[in-house]
Amino acid sequence: MKHPMSKFMVLTKDFVANESVVIDLKSHGLGNALGSLIFQNKTGQSARFLWQSYDAEKKGYFKEIMNDLGVKVAHYDGFITVTNGGGVQHLEAELKM
């Protein structure tokens, strides 16, 4: 029996060029059950990153699948650092688990 995917909005922000922000997943109880991270801007462009776990402790990284936004994502111990690309844009990010 499949469980329905849970979705959590983790970011809604206006970015300037090359701005970064840190998202604390642990404080929201989302630290270990990661799936995909999907970004979208107001013009409909998007980016998708898929969680890749590489050990039994659920450590891993977000692998870029598609990225029209120039967004970069780094994960470390329950925190995600999102870096905007070279332009000004409003981004929304949703974590699907």
N, C-alpha and C. Protein backbone atom coordinates (compact mmCIF):
# COMPACT_ATOMS: atom_id res chain seq x y z
N MET A 1 0.84 -1.19 0.00
CA MET A 1 0.00 0.00 0.00
C MET A 1 0.88 1.24 0.00
N LYS A 2 0.65 2.11 -0.95
CA LYS A 2 1.42 3.34 -1.04
C LYS A 2 0.83 4.40 -0.13
N HIS A 3 1.72 5.17 0.50
CA HIS A 3 1.28 6.29 1.31
C HIS A 3 1.28 7.55 0.45
N PRO A 4 0.32 8.44 0.64
CA PRO A 4 0.31 9.68 -0.15
C PRO A 4 1.52 10.53 0.21
N MET A 5 2.06 11.21 -0.80
CA MET A 5 3.20 12.08 -0.55
C MET A 5 2.78 13.30 0.25
N SER A 6 3.62 13.63 1.22
CA SER A 6 3.39 14.84 2.00
C SER A 6 4.14 15.98 1.32
N LYS A 7 3.55 17.16 1.35
CA LYS A 7 4.15 18.35 0.75
C LYS A 7 4.26 19.44 1.80
N PHE A 8 5.40 20.11 1.83
CA PHE A 8 5.64 21.18 2.78
C PHE A 8 6.24 22.37 2.06
N MET A 9 5.62 23.54 2.19
CA MET A 9 6.20 24.76 1.64
C MET A 9 7.33 25.17 2.57
N VAL A 10 8.56 25.23 2.07
CA VAL A 10 9.71 25.52 2.92
C VAL A 10 10.34 26.89 2.62
N LEU A 11 9.89 27.55 1.53
CA LEU A 11 10.48 28.83 1.17
C LEU A 11 9.53 29.64 0.31
N THR A 12 9.38 30.91 0.64
CA THR A 12 8.72 31.90 -0.21
C THR A 12 9.51 33.19 0.01
N LYS A 13 10.26 33.62 -1.03
CA LYS A 13 11.19 34.73 -0.82
C LYS A 13 11.52 35.43 -2.11
N ASP A 14 11.67 36.77 -2.02
CA ASP A 14 12.22 37.56 -3.12
C ASP A 14 13.73 37.56 -2.99
N PHE A 15 14.42 37.15 -4.04
CA PHE A 15 15.88 37.08 -4.04
C PHE A 15 16.48 38.13 -4.94
N VAL A 16 17.62 38.66 -4.54
CA VAL A 16 18.47 39.45 -5.43
C VAL A 16 19.47 38.47 -6.05
N ALA A 17 20.24 38.93 -7.00
CA ALA A 17 21.22 38.07 -7.67
C ALA A 17 22.21 37.49 -6.67
N ASN A 18 22.43 36.19 -6.78
CA ASN A 18 23.43 35.46 -5.99
C ASN A 18 23.18 35.47 -4.48
N GLU A 19 21.98 35.80 -4.04
CA GLU A 19 21.65 35.79 -2.61
C GLU A 19 21.44 34.36 -2.13
N SER A 20 21.82 34.09 -0.88
CA SER A 20 21.64 32.77 -0.27
C SER A 20 20.75 32.88 0.95
N VAL A 21 20.09 31.76 1.28
CA VAL A 21 19.28 31.66 2.48
C VAL A 21 19.41 30.23 3.01
N VAL A 22 19.37 30.08 4.33
CA VAL A 22 19.45 28.77 4.96
C VAL A 22 18.07 28.39 5.48
N ILE A 23 17.64 27.17 5.18
CA ILE A 23 16.36 26.64 5.64
C ILE A 23 16.66 25.54 6.66
N ASP A 24 16.09 25.68 7.84
CA ASP A 24 16.28 24.71 8.92
C ASP A 24 15.17 23.67 8.87
N LEU A 25 15.47 22.51 8.30
CA LEU A 25 14.47 21.45 8.19
C LEU A 25 14.24 20.74 9.52
N LYS A 26 15.26 20.67 10.35
CA LYS A 26 15.14 19.97 11.64
C LYS A 26 14.07 20.60 12.53
N SER A 27 14.03 21.92 12.60
CA SER A 27 13.06 22.58 13.48
C SER A 27 11.63 22.35 13.02
N HIS A 28 11.44 21.97 11.76
CA HIS A 28 10.10 21.66 11.25
C HIS A 28 9.83 20.16 11.28
N GLY A 29 10.77 19.39 11.84
CA GLY A 29 10.60 17.94 11.91
C GLY A 29 10.77 17.24 10.58
N LEU A 30 11.50 17.87 9.65
CA LEU A 30 11.65 17.32 8.31
C LEU A 30 13.06 16.83 8.02
N GLY A 31 13.88 16.66 9.02
CA GLY A 31 15.30 16.40 8.81
C GLY A 31 15.67 15.10 8.12
N ASN A 32 14.94 14.01 8.31
CA ASN A 32 15.39 12.72 7.81
C ASN A 32 14.55 12.11 6.70
N ALA A 33 13.36 12.56 6.50
CA ALA A 33 12.46 11.95 5.51
C ALA A 33 12.36 12.84 4.28
N LEU A 34 13.43 12.92 3.53
CA LEU A 34 13.46 13.84 2.39
C LEU A 34 13.12 13.12 1.10
N GLY A 35 12.57 13.86 0.14
CA GLY A 35 12.21 13.31 -1.16
C GLY A 35 12.70 14.20 -2.28
N SER A 36 11.86 15.12 -2.72
CA SER A 36 12.27 16.05 -3.77
C SER A 36 12.00 17.48 -3.32
N LEU A 37 12.80 18.38 -3.86
CA LEU A 37 12.69 19.80 -3.58
C LEU A 37 12.40 20.50 -4.89
N ILE A 38 11.26 21.20 -4.95
CA ILE A 38 10.81 21.81 -6.20
C ILE A 38 10.69 23.32 -6.01
N PHE A 39 11.36 24.07 -6.88
CA PHE A 39 11.33 25.53 -6.86
C PHE A 39 10.53 26.02 -8.06
N GLN A 40 9.87 27.17 -7.86
CA GLN A 40 9.17 27.80 -8.97
C GLN A 40 9.22 29.31 -8.79
N ASN A 41 9.36 30.03 -9.92
CA ASN A 41 9.28 31.49 -9.85
C ASN A 41 7.94 31.94 -10.40
N LYS A 42 7.71 33.25 -10.43
CA LYS A 42 6.39 33.78 -10.83
C LYS A 42 6.10 33.62 -12.32
N THR A 43 7.13 33.39 -13.13
CA THR A 43 6.91 33.23 -14.57
C THR A 43 6.73 31.77 -14.97
N GLY A 44 6.71 30.86 -13.99
CA GLY A 44 6.47 29.45 -14.27
C GLY A 44 7.73 28.62 -14.49
N GLN A 45 8.90 29.24 -14.47
CA GLN A 45 10.13 28.46 -14.57
C GLN A 45 10.31 27.68 -13.27
N SER A 46 11.02 26.56 -13.36
CA SER A 46 11.15 25.75 -12.16
C SER A 46 12.50 25.04 -12.10
N ALA A 47 12.74 24.45 -10.96
CA ALA A 47 13.92 23.61 -10.73
C ALA A 47 13.49 22.46 -9.84
N ARG A 48 14.11 21.30 -10.05
CA ARG A 48 13.76 20.12 -9.25
C ARG A 48 15.05 19.42 -8.82
N PHE A 49 15.10 19.10 -7.54
CA PHE A 49 16.23 18.39 -6.95
C PHE A 49 15.68 17.16 -6.24
N LEU A 50 16.33 16.02 -6.44
CA LEU A 50 15.88 14.76 -5.86
C LEU A 50 16.87 14.32 -4.79
N TRP A 51 16.36 13.94 -3.61
CA TRP A 51 17.21 13.52 -2.50
C TRP A 51 17.88 12.19 -2.82
N GLN A 52 19.19 12.15 -2.65
CA GLN A 52 19.98 10.94 -2.85
C GLN A 52 20.66 10.59 -1.53
N SER A 53 20.23 9.51 -0.90
CA SER A 53 20.81 9.08 0.37
C SER A 53 21.97 8.14 0.08
N TYR A 54 23.08 8.32 0.79
CA TYR A 54 24.23 7.46 0.53
C TYR A 54 24.70 6.66 1.74
N ASP A 55 23.92 6.60 2.81
CA ASP A 55 24.26 5.71 3.91
C ASP A 55 23.04 5.43 4.79
N ALA A 56 23.21 4.52 5.72
CA ALA A 56 22.10 4.08 6.58
C ALA A 56 21.60 5.18 7.51
N GLU A 57 22.43 6.20 7.77
CA GLU A 57 22.02 7.30 8.63
C GLU A 57 21.24 8.37 7.88
N LYS A 58 20.89 8.06 6.65
CA LYS A 58 20.11 8.96 5.80
C LYS A 58 20.84 10.25 5.48
N LYS A 59 22.16 10.20 5.41
CA LYS A 59 22.93 11.34 4.95
C LYS A 59 22.92 11.31 3.43
N GLY A 60 23.02 12.47 2.82
CA GLY A 60 22.99 12.50 1.38
C GLY A 60 23.03 13.91 0.84
N TYR A 61 22.49 14.08 -0.35
CA TYR A 61 22.51 15.38 -1.03
C TYR A 61 21.31 15.48 -1.96
N PHE A 62 21.02 16.70 -2.39
CA PHE A 62 19.96 16.93 -3.38
C PHE A 62 20.59 16.97 -4.76
N LYS A 63 20.24 16.00 -5.61
CA LYS A 63 20.75 15.91 -6.97
C LYS A 63 19.88 16.75 -7.89
N GLU A 64 20.52 17.61 -8.67
CA GLU A 64 19.79 18.46 -9.62
C GLU A 64 19.24 17.59 -10.74
N ILE A 65 17.93 17.67 -10.95
CA ILE A 65 17.26 16.92 -12.01
C ILE A 65 16.95 17.84 -13.19
N MET A 66 16.45 19.04 -12.87
CA MET A 66 16.09 20.02 -13.88
C MET A 66 16.21 21.38 -13.22
N ASN A 67 16.78 22.37 -13.93
CA ASN A 67 16.99 23.66 -13.29
C ASN A 67 16.97 24.79 -14.31
N ASP A 68 15.82 25.43 -14.46
CA ASP A 68 15.67 26.59 -15.34
C ASP A 68 15.95 27.89 -14.59
N LEU A 69 16.20 27.81 -13.28
CA LEU A 69 16.28 29.00 -12.43
C LEU A 69 17.71 29.40 -12.05
N GLY A 70 18.67 28.53 -12.27
CA GLY A 70 20.03 28.82 -11.83
C GLY A 70 20.22 28.70 -10.33
N VAL A 71 19.33 27.96 -9.66
CA VAL A 71 19.36 27.81 -8.21
C VAL A 71 20.37 26.71 -7.85
N LYS A 72 21.08 26.92 -6.74
CA LYS A 72 21.98 25.89 -6.21
C LYS A 72 21.49 25.50 -4.83
N VAL A 73 21.60 24.21 -4.51
CA VAL A 73 21.13 23.69 -3.23
C VAL A 73 22.25 22.87 -2.60
N ALA A 74 22.52 23.15 -1.32
CA ALA A 74 23.46 22.34 -0.55
C ALA A 74 22.77 21.91 0.73
N HIS A 75 22.99 20.66 1.14
CA HIS A 75 22.37 20.12 2.35
C HIS A 75 23.46 19.72 3.34
N TYR A 76 23.26 20.07 4.61
CA TYR A 76 24.17 19.63 5.64
C TYR A 76 23.41 19.46 6.96
N ASP A 77 23.31 18.23 7.43
CA ASP A 77 22.79 17.92 8.75
C ASP A 77 21.45 18.60 9.08
N GLY A 78 20.48 18.46 8.17
CA GLY A 78 19.16 19.01 8.42
C GLY A 78 18.95 20.45 8.01
N PHE A 79 19.96 21.06 7.39
CA PHE A 79 19.87 22.43 6.91
C PHE A 79 20.10 22.44 5.40
N ILE A 80 19.33 23.26 4.70
CA ILE A 80 19.52 23.43 3.26
C ILE A 80 19.93 24.87 3.01
N THR A 81 20.99 25.05 2.24
CA THR A 81 21.36 26.39 1.78
C THR A 81 20.94 26.52 0.33
N VAL A 82 20.10 27.52 0.05
CA VAL A 82 19.62 27.79 -1.30
C VAL A 82 20.31 29.06 -1.78
N THR A 83 20.95 28.98 -2.95
CA THR A 83 21.60 30.15 -3.54
C THR A 83 20.92 30.45 -4.86
N ASN A 84 20.43 31.67 -4.98
CA ASN A 84 19.78 32.12 -6.21
C ASN A 84 20.82 32.28 -7.30
N GLY A 85 20.38 32.24 -8.53
CA GLY A 85 21.26 32.47 -9.67
C GLY A 85 21.55 33.96 -9.85
N GLY A 86 21.89 34.36 -11.06
CA GLY A 86 22.36 35.70 -11.33
C GLY A 86 21.30 36.77 -11.51
N GLY A 87 20.01 36.44 -11.36
CA GLY A 87 18.96 37.43 -11.57
C GLY A 87 18.08 37.63 -10.35
N VAL A 88 17.30 38.70 -10.38
CA VAL A 88 16.32 38.98 -9.32
C VAL A 88 15.08 38.15 -9.61
N GLN A 89 14.57 37.43 -8.60
CA GLN A 89 13.35 36.65 -8.80
C GLN A 89 12.74 36.26 -7.46
N HIS A 90 11.43 36.00 -7.51
CA HIS A 90 10.70 35.49 -6.35
C HIS A 90 10.67 33.98 -6.48
N LEU A 91 11.09 33.27 -5.43
CA LEU A 91 11.10 31.82 -5.46
C LEU A 91 10.21 31.24 -4.38
N GLU A 92 9.54 30.17 -4.74
CA GLU A 92 8.81 29.36 -3.78
C GLU A 92 9.36 27.96 -3.88
N ALA A 93 9.55 27.32 -2.73
CA ALA A 93 10.08 25.95 -2.73
C ALA A 93 9.19 25.06 -1.91
N GLU A 94 8.95 23.88 -2.44
CA GLU A 94 8.11 22.88 -1.78
C GLU A 94 8.92 21.60 -1.64
N LEU A 95 8.89 21.02 -0.46
CA LEU A 95 9.56 19.75 -0.19
C LEU A 95 8.51 18.66 -0.23
N LYS A 96 8.72 17.66 -1.09
CA LYS A 96 7.81 16.51 -1.18
C LYS A 96 8.51 15.33 -0.56
N MET A 97 7.77 14.64 0.32
CA MET A 97 8.37 13.50 1.01
C MET A 97 7.55 12.26 0.77
